[in-house]
Amino acid sequence: MLTDFDEEIKDKVKEGLEMSDIQLKDLKAFPLDKDFFKREPMALFLLAVGKDMERYREKVFDYLGGLGEAGERQWQFIMEELWRFEAKGMDPETAHKRKKLYPQTLVEGRKYFLHGHSEKEEDRASAAA
């Protein structure tokens, strides 16, 4: 069941992008508060439009990278949660096949979710030029 917030967002997207209800059937809006990503860290890695999420994702990678092996385990947990969320409604065979597409390490994740770059790498490159 959609909340009033979901309905409001859906109506704005529908009107702004001229999309049908069928095209937006899986749209889910997440109201953000300061603790949202602490409760739902995998939400940072859902499909995002534009590059606004990259700076937050980069902070997660930096933080988890500083934790060593514990950070790698936390990353694997986040990817498992993301896979479970995205696999809802899929037949089990397809969901299992898709699971191997998710980045398993922080290095793989950084490359995938930051599109092969980060602000730090860009800063270093421009300083070297």
Protein backbone atom coordinates (compact mmCIF):
# COMPACT_ATOMS: atom_id res chain seq x y z
CA MET A 1 0.00 0.00 0.00
CA LEU A 2 1.38 3.41 -0.96
CA THR A 3 1.68 6.12 1.65
CA ASP A 4 0.62 9.72 0.99
CA PHE A 5 4.32 10.52 0.51
CA ASP A 6 4.67 7.76 -2.10
CA GLU A 7 1.54 8.97 -3.90
CA GLU A 8 2.80 12.56 -3.96
CA ILE A 9 6.19 11.53 -5.38
CA LYS A 10 4.58 9.14 -7.87
CA ASP A 11 2.25 11.90 -9.11
CA LYS A 12 5.17 14.31 -9.58
CA VAL A 13 7.26 11.74 -11.46
CA LYS A 14 4.28 10.67 -13.54
CA GLU A 15 3.52 14.25 -14.56
CA GLY A 16 7.11 15.42 -15.00
CA LEU A 17 8.25 12.43 -17.05
CA GLU A 18 4.90 11.67 -18.68
CA MET A 19 4.92 8.09 -17.47
CA SER A 20 2.04 5.71 -16.87
CA ASP A 21 1.03 3.98 -13.64
CA ILE A 22 2.30 0.69 -15.08
CA GLN A 23 5.75 2.20 -15.69
CA LEU A 24 5.83 3.45 -12.10
CA LYS A 25 4.41 0.36 -10.40
CA ASP A 26 7.69 -0.38 -8.60
CA LEU A 27 8.50 3.22 -7.67
CA LYS A 28 9.30 3.57 -3.99
CA ALA A 29 10.18 6.86 -2.36
CA PHE A 30 12.33 7.00 0.75
CA PRO A 31 11.81 10.00 3.02
CA LEU A 32 15.25 10.88 4.31
CA ASP A 33 16.18 11.86 7.79
CA LYS A 34 19.61 12.08 9.37
CA ASP A 35 19.56 8.42 10.45
CA PHE A 36 18.00 6.87 7.35
CA PHE A 37 21.22 5.47 5.88
CA LYS A 38 22.29 4.15 9.28
CA ARG A 39 19.09 2.11 9.33
CA GLU A 40 19.15 1.20 5.61
CA PRO A 41 22.76 1.37 4.34
CA MET A 42 21.95 -0.66 1.25
CA ALA A 43 19.61 2.14 0.08
CA LEU A 44 22.70 4.19 -0.83
CA PHE A 45 23.43 1.61 -3.51
CA LEU A 46 20.04 1.48 -5.19
CA LEU A 47 19.75 2.85 -8.70
CA ALA A 48 20.27 6.61 -8.58
CA VAL A 49 19.90 9.27 -11.23
CA GLY A 50 22.80 11.70 -11.53
CA LYS A 51 25.92 11.77 -9.38
CA ASP A 52 24.53 13.19 -6.12
CA MET A 53 24.69 9.83 -4.34
CA GLU A 54 28.33 9.25 -5.25
CA ARG A 55 29.67 11.56 -2.54
CA TYR A 56 27.74 9.61 0.11
CA ARG A 57 28.76 6.29 -1.38
CA GLU A 58 32.38 7.42 -1.34
CA LYS A 59 32.11 8.21 2.38
CA VAL A 60 30.82 4.69 2.99
CA PHE A 61 33.73 3.19 1.03
CA ASP A 62 36.25 5.34 2.91
CA TYR A 63 34.74 4.41 6.28
CA LEU A 64 34.47 0.68 5.56
CA GLY A 65 37.95 0.64 4.01
CA GLY A 66 39.34 2.02 7.26
CA LEU A 67 37.84 -0.95 9.14
CA GLY A 68 39.92 -3.56 7.29
CA GLU A 69 38.41 -7.06 7.29
CA ALA A 70 35.45 -5.92 9.40
CA GLY A 71 34.68 -3.35 6.68
CA GLU A 72 34.82 -6.04 4.00
CA ARG A 73 32.38 -8.18 5.99
CA GLN A 74 30.06 -5.19 6.41
CA TRP A 75 30.26 -4.54 2.66
CA GLN A 76 29.30 -8.15 1.94
CA PHE A 77 26.32 -7.76 4.29
CA ILE A 78 25.22 -4.56 2.50
CA MET A 79 25.43 -6.27 -0.89
CA GLU A 80 23.49 -9.26 0.44
CA GLU A 81 20.74 -6.92 1.64
CA LEU A 82 20.73 -5.07 -1.68
CA TRP A 83 20.49 -8.35 -3.58
CA ARG A 84 17.58 -9.52 -1.38
CA PHE A 85 15.77 -6.22 -1.89
CA GLU A 86 16.24 -6.24 -5.66
CA ALA A 87 15.46 -9.96 -6.00
CA LYS A 88 12.00 -9.69 -4.45
CA GLY A 89 9.50 -11.13 -6.87
CA MET A 90 12.11 -12.80 -9.09
CA ASP A 91 12.03 -16.50 -9.65
CA PRO A 92 14.70 -18.13 -7.44
CA GLU A 93 16.85 -19.33 -10.34
CA THR A 94 17.10 -15.85 -11.87
CA ALA A 95 17.73 -14.26 -8.47
CA HIS A 96 20.54 -16.74 -7.77
CA LYS A 97 22.17 -16.07 -11.17
CA ARG A 98 21.99 -12.30 -10.62
CA LYS A 99 23.61 -12.54 -7.19
CA LYS A 100 27.06 -13.00 -8.72
CA LEU A 101 26.70 -9.61 -10.47
CA TYR A 102 27.00 -7.71 -7.18
CA PRO A 103 30.46 -6.42 -6.19
CA GLN A 104 31.96 -8.71 -3.55
CA THR A 105 34.79 -6.50 -2.30
CA LEU A 106 35.16 -2.83 -1.46
CA VAL A 107 37.55 -2.41 -4.39
CA GLU A 108 34.99 -3.91 -6.79
CA GLY A 109 32.22 -1.86 -5.19
CA ARG A 110 34.13 1.40 -5.42
CA LYS A 111 34.83 0.76 -9.10
CA TYR A 112 31.22 -0.19 -9.84
CA PHE A 113 29.29 2.34 -7.75
CA LEU A 114 31.62 5.28 -8.27
CA HIS A 115 31.84 4.51 -11.99
CA GLY A 116 35.57 3.86 -11.76
CA HIS A 117 36.43 7.19 -10.16
CA SER A 118 36.12 9.11 -6.95
CA GLU A 119 36.45 12.75 -5.96
CA LYS A 120 39.79 11.98 -4.31
CA GLU A 121 41.15 10.36 -7.48
CA GLU A 122 39.92 13.30 -9.57
CA ASP A 123 41.55 15.77 -7.13
CA ARG A 124 44.86 13.86 -7.36
CA ALA A 125 44.68 13.75 -11.16
CA SER A 126 43.98 17.49 -11.47
CA ALA A 127 46.76 18.31 -8.98
CA ALA A 128 49.22 16.21 -11.00
CA ALA A 129 48.27 17.94 -14.27
